[in-house]
Amino acid sequence: MASTENTTPTKPKTLNRPLRKFVKKRGKRAMRWASRVQSRASLVPDTPFVETDHFPFLAEFEDKWDAMRDEVRGILRHREAIPGFEEVSPDQYRIAQSQKWKTFVLYGFGQRLEKNARQAPVTAEILSRVPNVQTAWFSILAPGYHIPAHTGVTKGILRAHLGLIIPTEREKCRIRVDDEIRAWEAGKVIVLDDTYEHEVWNDTDEERVILLFDFDRPMSWRGRMLNRIMLGLMKFTAFYQEPKKNLADFEARFEAATRRADENLEKLSD
């Protein structure tokens, strides 16, 4: 079985800038305060996993999951052009290393990446019907990789996982959220609150692929207003601006890779 040990993470030099560290520290304090308010404003249970019955729009994902699986299989033919999570967001250097956790992003910070969306039209169309979808990507986890324990940013958002390509020994490919552990299942959605500590193991020799997407937590008007304010402020920071630029760069790189592949196929057919 492949090893689950990660190498010691190397922190990018740009993350040591005093202003960035100051903003991150203050931002975490503000988000913790906001999360307490949002928890009280929540219209669904504030639990590590939230039952999908609360979100009727998720049924379409399970109904059409096989079409989305086929789309990601096509994308994986160009896996060398798919970035590692740490390349998109250097702040994730501790949990994503050596391109062992790749991400093909369809939505970033509430904006659709049109070039990437054309590579997965069925998936993008269904995502467009998610209320206030914030981020969405195909999450591709290498065999034997362990994502260390970490926590998300805001309780104003919930995260959904749809199983697409799941290892045969699926019980060995699992996620812990707080003190609950679940294994992914092909064609099934799970919803979690990532402000609870969570970690992931793929203790198999097979790749795991899911569709991961974030959407607004159902809350009273006070919670919704606070969520809009906090997310709006975040857009002025490097934690938003840097990944946004990186996403545009990698989107262009992937489009160029698929164009080259198509051109090569045409030459072979001549």
Protein backbone atom coordinates (compact mmCIF):
# COMPACT_ATOMS: atom_id res chain seq x y z
CA MET A 1 0.00 0.00 0.00
CA ALA A 2 1.24 3.49 -0.77
CA SER A 3 2.62 5.52 2.12
CA THR A 4 0.44 8.17 3.73
CA GLU A 5 3.41 10.19 4.99
CA ASN A 6 3.87 13.71 3.61
CA THR A 7 7.18 15.49 3.31
CA THR A 8 7.84 18.51 5.52
CA PRO A 9 6.02 21.45 3.90
CA THR A 10 8.08 24.38 2.69
CA LYS A 11 6.47 27.77 3.25
CA PRO A 12 6.63 30.08 0.20
CA LYS A 13 8.67 33.22 0.93
CA THR A 14 5.82 35.52 -0.15
CA LEU A 15 3.71 34.30 2.81
CA ASN A 16 6.20 35.75 5.30
CA ARG A 17 5.47 39.37 4.43
CA PRO A 18 4.52 41.29 7.62
CA LEU A 19 1.37 42.89 6.19
CA ARG A 20 0.09 39.55 4.90
CA LYS A 21 0.70 37.89 8.27
CA PHE A 22 -1.05 40.77 10.06
CA VAL A 23 -4.10 40.60 7.78
CA LYS A 24 -4.28 36.83 8.16
CA LYS A 25 -4.14 37.00 11.96
CA ARG A 26 -6.77 39.76 12.20
CA GLY A 27 -8.89 38.08 9.56
CA LYS A 28 -9.01 34.81 11.48
CA ARG A 29 -10.22 36.63 14.59
CA ALA A 30 -12.95 38.41 12.62
CA MET A 31 -14.05 35.16 10.97
CA ARG A 32 -14.26 33.36 14.31
CA TRP A 33 -16.53 36.11 15.62
CA ALA A 34 -18.62 36.02 12.45
CA SER A 35 -18.93 32.23 12.66
CA ARG A 36 -20.52 32.48 16.09
CA VAL A 37 -23.11 34.91 14.74
CA GLN A 38 -23.74 32.75 11.66
CA SER A 39 -24.15 29.64 13.79
CA ARG A 40 -26.98 31.31 15.71
CA ALA A 41 -28.51 32.53 12.43
CA SER A 42 -28.35 29.12 10.71
CA LEU A 43 -31.60 27.60 9.41
CA VAL A 44 -30.02 24.12 9.16
CA PRO A 45 -28.23 22.13 11.87
CA ASP A 46 -24.77 23.39 12.90
CA THR A 47 -23.20 19.93 12.78
CA PRO A 48 -20.07 18.48 11.12
CA PHE A 49 -22.16 16.76 8.43
CA VAL A 50 -25.54 18.14 7.34
CA GLU A 51 -28.11 15.81 5.81
CA THR A 52 -28.76 16.44 2.11
CA ASP A 53 -32.55 16.49 2.67
CA HIS A 54 -32.16 20.16 3.61
CA PHE A 55 -31.00 21.00 0.06
CA PRO A 56 -33.40 19.83 -2.69
CA PHE A 57 -31.15 21.20 -5.47
CA LEU A 58 -28.58 18.48 -4.70
CA ALA A 59 -30.81 15.74 -6.12
CA GLU A 60 -29.88 16.72 -9.69
CA PHE A 61 -26.21 16.02 -8.97
CA GLU A 62 -26.99 12.45 -7.97
CA ASP A 63 -29.34 11.99 -10.92
CA LYS A 64 -26.70 13.07 -13.48
CA TRP A 65 -23.49 12.10 -11.75
CA ASP A 66 -22.40 9.66 -14.46
CA ALA A 67 -22.35 12.44 -17.09
CA MET A 68 -20.13 14.50 -14.77
CA ARG A 69 -17.86 11.49 -14.23
CA ASP A 70 -17.45 11.15 -17.99
CA GLU A 71 -16.55 14.83 -18.27
CA VAL A 72 -13.84 14.61 -15.63
CA ARG A 73 -12.39 11.51 -17.31
CA GLY A 74 -11.93 13.61 -20.44
CA ILE A 75 -10.26 16.36 -18.43
CA LEU A 76 -7.91 13.86 -16.79
CA ARG A 77 -6.45 13.02 -20.20
CA HIS A 78 -4.57 16.31 -19.78
CA ARG A 79 -3.69 15.86 -16.12
CA GLU A 80 -0.21 17.35 -16.56
CA ALA A 81 -1.91 20.73 -17.17
CA ILE A 82 -4.10 20.49 -14.05
CA PRO A 83 -2.52 22.48 -11.19
CA GLY A 84 -1.88 21.30 -7.68
CA PHE A 85 -3.92 23.10 -5.03
CA GLU A 86 -0.74 24.67 -3.65
CA GLU A 87 -0.06 26.20 -7.07
CA VAL A 88 -3.45 27.88 -7.20
CA SER A 89 -3.35 29.04 -3.57
CA PRO A 90 0.16 29.15 -2.03
CA ASP A 91 -1.42 29.63 1.41
CA GLN A 92 -2.39 25.95 1.23
CA TYR A 93 1.25 24.80 1.20
CA ARG A 94 0.81 22.90 4.49
CA ILE A 95 -2.00 20.63 3.28
CA ALA A 96 -1.23 20.34 -0.46
CA GLN A 97 2.21 19.30 -1.70
CA SER A 98 3.95 17.94 -4.80
CA GLN A 99 0.77 18.12 -6.90
CA LYS A 100 -0.71 15.22 -4.96
CA TRP A 101 -3.97 17.14 -4.64
CA LYS A 102 -4.94 18.58 -8.02
CA THR A 103 -7.81 20.97 -8.65
CA PHE A 104 -9.68 21.71 -11.88
CA VAL A 105 -11.67 24.82 -10.96
CA LEU A 106 -15.04 25.66 -12.49
CA TYR A 107 -16.08 28.45 -10.08
CA GLY A 108 -13.76 30.64 -8.04
CA PHE A 109 -15.02 33.14 -5.47
CA GLY A 110 -18.48 33.21 -7.02
CA GLN A 111 -17.24 33.68 -10.61
CA ARG A 112 -17.47 31.03 -13.31
CA LEU A 113 -14.29 30.20 -15.20
CA GLU A 114 -15.74 30.09 -18.68
CA LYS A 115 -12.86 28.32 -20.44
CA ASN A 116 -12.78 25.54 -17.86
CA ALA A 117 -16.58 25.35 -17.82
CA ARG A 118 -16.54 24.56 -21.55
CA GLN A 119 -14.56 21.42 -20.71
CA ALA A 120 -17.40 20.22 -18.45
CA PRO A 121 -20.65 21.71 -19.81
CA VAL A 122 -23.05 19.36 -17.99
CA THR A 123 -21.34 19.94 -14.65
CA ALA A 124 -21.18 23.69 -15.17
CA GLU A 125 -24.85 23.85 -16.14
CA ILE A 126 -25.97 21.99 -13.02
CA LEU A 127 -23.69 24.10 -10.82
CA SER A 128 -25.31 27.24 -12.25
CA ARG A 129 -28.53 26.23 -10.49
CA VAL A 130 -26.91 26.00 -7.04
CA PRO A 131 -28.04 28.98 -4.92
CA ASN A 132 -25.06 31.36 -4.65
CA VAL A 133 -22.39 28.83 -5.55
CA GLN A 134 -19.06 30.22 -4.35
CA THR A 135 -16.37 27.77 -5.47
CA ALA A 136 -16.47 24.50 -7.39
CA TRP A 137 -13.75 22.22 -8.63
CA PHE A 138 -12.93 18.64 -9.48
CA SER A 139 -10.82 17.55 -6.53
CA ILE A 140 -8.27 14.92 -7.60
CA LEU A 141 -6.44 13.11 -4.79
CA ALA A 142 -3.42 10.94 -5.51
CA PRO A 143 -3.11 7.37 -4.18
CA GLY A 144 -1.68 7.19 -0.68
CA TYR A 145 -2.06 10.90 0.05
CA HIS A 146 -3.15 12.33 3.39
CA ILE A 147 -4.53 15.86 3.70
CA PRO A 148 -3.63 16.98 7.25
CA ALA A 149 -6.19 18.30 9.71
CA HIS A 150 -7.25 21.88 9.01
CA THR A 151 -10.27 24.17 9.25
CA GLY A 152 -12.17 26.33 6.79
CA VAL A 153 -12.74 30.06 6.88
CA THR A 154 -16.43 30.82 7.35
CA LYS A 155 -19.53 29.13 8.71
CA GLY A 156 -21.57 31.14 6.22
CA ILE A 157 -20.72 28.54 3.58
CA LEU A 158 -21.37 24.80 3.41
CA ARG A 159 -19.40 22.36 1.27
CA ALA A 160 -20.76 19.53 -0.87
CA HIS A 161 -18.82 16.51 -2.17
CA LEU A 162 -20.14 14.38 -5.04
CA GLY A 163 -18.32 11.07 -5.53
CA LEU A 164 -17.23 10.57 -9.15
CA ILE A 165 -14.21 8.24 -9.33
CA ILE A 166 -13.90 6.35 -6.06
CA PRO A 167 -11.32 3.63 -5.23
CA THR A 168 -12.55 0.06 -5.10
CA GLU A 169 -11.73 -0.18 -1.39
CA ARG A 170 -13.76 2.93 -0.70
CA GLU A 171 -13.77 2.49 3.08
CA LYS A 172 -10.03 3.26 2.96
CA CYS A 173 -10.69 6.57 1.21
CA ARG A 174 -12.40 8.74 3.77
CA ILE A 175 -12.87 12.14 5.40
CA ARG A 176 -13.04 13.00 9.09
CA VAL A 177 -15.02 16.07 10.12
CA ASP A 178 -14.75 16.73 13.86
CA ASP A 179 -15.24 13.23 15.32
CA GLU A 180 -17.27 11.76 12.44
CA ILE A 181 -15.74 9.75 9.57
CA ARG A 182 -17.38 9.01 6.24
CA ALA A 183 -16.22 7.32 3.04
CA TRP A 184 -17.18 8.66 -0.37
CA GLU A 185 -19.54 6.73 -2.63
CA ALA A 186 -19.81 7.12 -6.39
CA GLY A 187 -22.93 9.09 -7.31
CA LYS A 188 -23.69 10.23 -3.77
CA VAL A 189 -23.46 13.70 -2.23
CA ILE A 190 -22.34 14.52 1.29
CA VAL A 191 -22.55 18.01 2.85
CA LEU A 192 -20.16 19.20 5.53
CA ASP A 193 -19.26 22.29 7.52
CA ASP A 194 -15.56 22.77 6.94
CA THR A 195 -15.12 25.15 9.90
CA TYR A 196 -14.97 21.95 11.95
CA GLU A 197 -11.50 20.41 11.90
CA HIS A 198 -11.29 17.91 9.08
CA GLU A 199 -8.76 15.71 7.31
CA VAL A 200 -8.68 13.24 4.44
CA TRP A 201 -6.98 9.90 3.77
CA ASN A 202 -6.66 8.00 0.53
CA ASP A 203 -5.10 4.79 1.83
CA THR A 204 -5.50 3.01 -1.50
CA ASP A 205 -3.49 2.58 -4.69
CA GLU A 206 -6.17 4.33 -6.76
CA GLU A 207 -6.94 7.96 -7.52
CA ARG A 208 -9.98 9.58 -5.94
CA VAL A 209 -11.99 12.23 -7.81
CA ILE A 210 -14.94 14.19 -6.44
CA LEU A 211 -16.82 17.33 -7.43
CA LEU A 212 -16.38 19.76 -4.54
CA PHE A 213 -18.48 22.91 -4.33
CA ASP A 214 -19.36 25.56 -1.75
CA PHE A 215 -22.68 27.33 -1.40
CA ASP A 216 -24.26 29.76 1.05
CA ARG A 217 -25.55 28.30 4.28
CA PRO A 218 -29.28 28.95 4.70
CA MET A 219 -29.46 31.67 7.38
CA SER A 220 -31.70 34.43 8.66
CA TRP A 221 -31.25 37.85 7.03
CA ARG A 222 -28.68 38.93 9.65
CA GLY A 223 -26.49 35.95 8.90
CA ARG A 224 -26.80 36.44 5.14
CA MET A 225 -25.89 40.12 5.38
CA LEU A 226 -22.86 39.42 7.55
CA ASN A 227 -21.72 36.71 5.11
CA ARG A 228 -21.90 39.11 2.15
CA ILE A 229 -19.91 41.74 4.07
CA MET A 230 -17.18 39.30 5.15
CA LEU A 231 -16.79 37.76 1.70
CA GLY A 232 -16.76 41.22 0.13
CA LEU A 233 -13.95 42.38 2.42
CA MET A 234 -11.96 39.23 1.66
CA LYS A 235 -11.87 40.15 -2.03
CA PHE A 236 -9.55 43.07 -1.23
CA THR A 237 -6.88 40.84 0.29
CA ALA A 238 -4.02 38.84 -1.22
CA PHE A 239 -5.81 35.67 -0.11
CA TYR A 240 -8.36 36.43 -2.85
CA GLN A 241 -6.33 38.36 -5.41
CA GLU A 242 -3.44 35.90 -5.72
CA PRO A 243 -5.52 32.75 -6.33
CA LYS A 244 -7.76 34.71 -8.72
CA LYS A 245 -4.76 35.60 -10.88
CA ASN A 246 -3.39 32.07 -10.66
CA LEU A 247 -6.72 30.60 -11.72
CA ALA A 248 -6.73 32.72 -14.88
CA ASP A 249 -3.17 31.61 -15.69
CA PHE A 250 -3.91 27.92 -15.20
CA GLU A 251 -7.19 28.15 -17.12
CA ALA A 252 -5.26 29.50 -20.11
CA ARG A 253 -2.60 26.80 -19.70
CA PHE A 254 -5.18 24.02 -19.74
CA GLU A 255 -6.92 25.45 -22.80
CA ALA A 256 -3.56 25.59 -24.61
CA ALA A 257 -2.81 21.97 -23.65
CA THR A 258 -6.12 20.71 -25.04
CA ARG A 259 -5.62 22.75 -28.23
CA ARG A 260 -2.18 21.19 -28.77
CA ALA A 261 -3.61 17.72 -28.20
CA ASP A 262 -6.37 18.33 -30.75
CA GLU A 263 -3.85 19.62 -33.29
CA ASN A 264 -1.68 16.54 -32.81
CA LEU A 265 -4.67 14.28 -33.37
CA GLU A 266 -5.48 16.11 -36.59
CA LYS A 267 -1.92 15.68 -37.83
CA LEU A 268 -2.04 11.93 -37.07
CA SER A 269 -5.29 11.58 -38.99
CA ASP A 270 -3.89 13.29 -42.12
